[in-house]
Protein backbone atom coordinates (compact mmCIF):
# COMPACT_ATOMS: atom_id res chain seq x y z
CA UNK A 1 6.74 -14.23 -8.64
CA UNK A 2 5.18 -11.35 -10.42
CA UNK A 3 3.18 -8.50 -8.93
CA UNK A 4 0.08 -9.77 -10.75
CA UNK A 5 0.40 -13.24 -9.23
CA UNK A 6 1.12 -11.78 -5.79
CA UNK A 7 -2.15 -9.77 -5.94
CA UNK A 8 -4.07 -12.73 -7.28
CA UNK A 9 -2.78 -15.05 -4.60
CA UNK A 10 -3.79 -12.58 -1.85
CA UNK A 11 -7.29 -12.12 -3.19
CA UNK A 12 -7.71 -15.91 -3.68
CA UNK A 13 -6.35 -16.80 -0.26
CA UNK A 14 -8.26 -14.23 1.74
CA UNK A 15 -11.35 -13.96 -0.52
CA UNK A 16 -11.42 -10.20 -0.32
CA UNK A 17 -10.25 -7.21 -2.26
CA UNK A 18 -10.60 -4.80 0.65
CA UNK A 19 -7.06 -3.58 1.51
CA UNK A 20 -8.01 -2.86 5.10
CA UNK A 21 -9.24 -6.43 5.66
CA UNK A 22 -6.02 -7.75 4.07
CA UNK A 23 -3.85 -5.53 6.24
CA UNK A 24 -5.57 -6.87 9.31
CA UNK A 25 -5.52 -10.53 8.24
CA UNK A 26 -1.84 -10.28 7.35
CA UNK A 27 -1.07 -8.96 10.81
CA UNK A 28 0.15 -5.60 9.52
CA UNK A 29 -0.31 -2.70 11.88
CA UNK A 30 -2.49 0.18 10.68
CA UNK A 31 -2.73 3.75 11.95
CA UNK A 32 -4.00 7.10 10.84
CA UNK A 33 -2.19 10.23 11.92
CA UNK A 34 -1.99 13.86 10.72
CA UNK A 35 0.82 14.45 8.25
CA UNK A 36 1.53 17.37 6.01
CA UNK A 37 -0.49 17.06 2.74
CA UNK A 38 2.60 16.03 0.81
CA UNK A 39 2.75 12.77 2.78
CA UNK A 40 -0.19 10.47 1.99
CA UNK A 41 1.05 7.30 3.68
CA UNK A 42 4.14 5.56 5.07
CA UNK A 43 5.14 1.99 5.69
CA UNK A 44 7.61 1.34 8.47
CA UNK A 45 9.11 -2.12 8.96
CA UNK A 46 11.18 -3.03 11.98
CA UNK A 47 12.05 -6.45 13.34
CA UNK A 48 9.98 -8.11 10.51
CA UNK A 49 6.77 -6.31 11.55
CA UNK A 50 5.26 -3.66 9.27
CA UNK A 51 2.96 -0.82 10.06
CA UNK A 52 1.07 1.16 7.47
CA UNK A 53 0.18 4.71 8.49
CA UNK A 54 -2.15 6.89 6.41
CA UNK A 55 -2.51 10.65 6.57
CA UNK A 56 -5.80 11.14 8.50
CA UNK A 57 -6.43 14.32 6.50
CA UNK A 58 -6.81 12.67 3.09
CA UNK A 59 -10.28 12.18 1.64
CA UNK A 60 -12.16 9.04 2.52
CA UNK A 61 -12.23 7.85 -1.12
CA UNK A 62 -8.44 8.12 -1.32
CA UNK A 63 -7.77 5.81 1.68
CA UNK A 64 -8.26 2.46 -0.13
CA UNK A 65 -5.89 3.56 -2.94
CA UNK A 66 -3.21 4.69 -0.50
CA UNK A 67 -3.71 1.61 1.70
CA UNK A 68 -3.42 -0.74 -1.33
CA UNK A 69 -0.30 1.19 -2.44
CA UNK A 70 1.29 0.81 1.02
CA UNK A 71 0.27 -2.87 1.13
CA UNK A 72 2.12 -3.25 -2.20
CA UNK A 73 5.24 -2.02 -0.39
CA UNK A 74 4.80 -4.60 2.38
CA UNK A 75 4.33 -7.40 -0.07
CA UNK A 76 6.79 -6.45 -2.78
CA UNK A 77 9.53 -4.68 -0.75
CA UNK A 78 9.87 -6.86 2.33
CA UNK A 79 11.83 -5.18 5.05
CA UNK A 80 11.88 -1.79 3.49
CA UNK A 81 10.33 1.32 5.01
CA UNK A 82 8.78 3.74 2.57
CA UNK A 83 6.97 7.08 2.40
CA UNK A 84 4.36 7.91 -0.22
CA UNK A 85 5.08 11.63 -0.74
CA UNK A 86 3.29 12.55 -3.91
CA UNK A 87 -0.31 13.63 -4.24
CA UNK A 88 -0.28 12.16 -7.75
CA UNK A 89 2.14 9.28 -8.55
CA UNK A 90 1.52 8.80 -12.19
CA UNK A 91 4.08 11.35 -13.50
CA UNK A 92 7.63 10.92 -14.63
CA UNK A 93 10.66 10.08 -12.56
CA UNK A 94 8.88 7.83 -10.06
CA UNK A 95 11.39 5.69 -8.22
CA UNK A 96 11.18 1.97 -8.98
CA UNK A 97 9.63 0.96 -5.69
CA UNK A 98 6.93 3.62 -5.99
CA UNK A 99 6.13 2.46 -9.52
CA UNK A 100 5.89 -1.18 -8.31
CA UNK A 101 3.56 -0.18 -5.48
CA UNK A 102 1.44 1.69 -8.04
CA UNK A 103 1.34 -1.40 -10.26
CA UNK A 104 0.34 -3.53 -7.24
CA UNK A 105 -2.54 -1.17 -6.54
CA UNK A 106 -3.67 -1.02 -10.22
CA UNK A 107 -3.64 -4.83 -10.62
CA UNK A 108 -5.31 -5.20 -7.25
CA UNK A 109 -8.27 -3.17 -8.33
CA UNK A 110 -8.30 -4.55 -11.84
CA UNK A 111 -8.74 -8.09 -10.48
CA UNK A 112 -11.60 -7.00 -8.24
């Protein structure tokens, strides 16, 4: 499946574009904790259970973007733990999984 169809399927099945509602309905853990400002969010997966943790110090308007990005990791990179280190992830030399999570987020909001 493609990232676009994965996003479309989630939106259609759960009838929401809100990443926080999707995280809850998918049974993904969600936390906020203080990190250094280089770390915006992390996804940790252990024993087939994922938890998304956002930096509690990021601005409120940034949280849905970071949450959707981390949700992209859970959906597209099953079983992998990731850390979203960059304040801006649209530059060069982004690792493949970060680029895929960015694409997930962008399609996610485009379809809304």
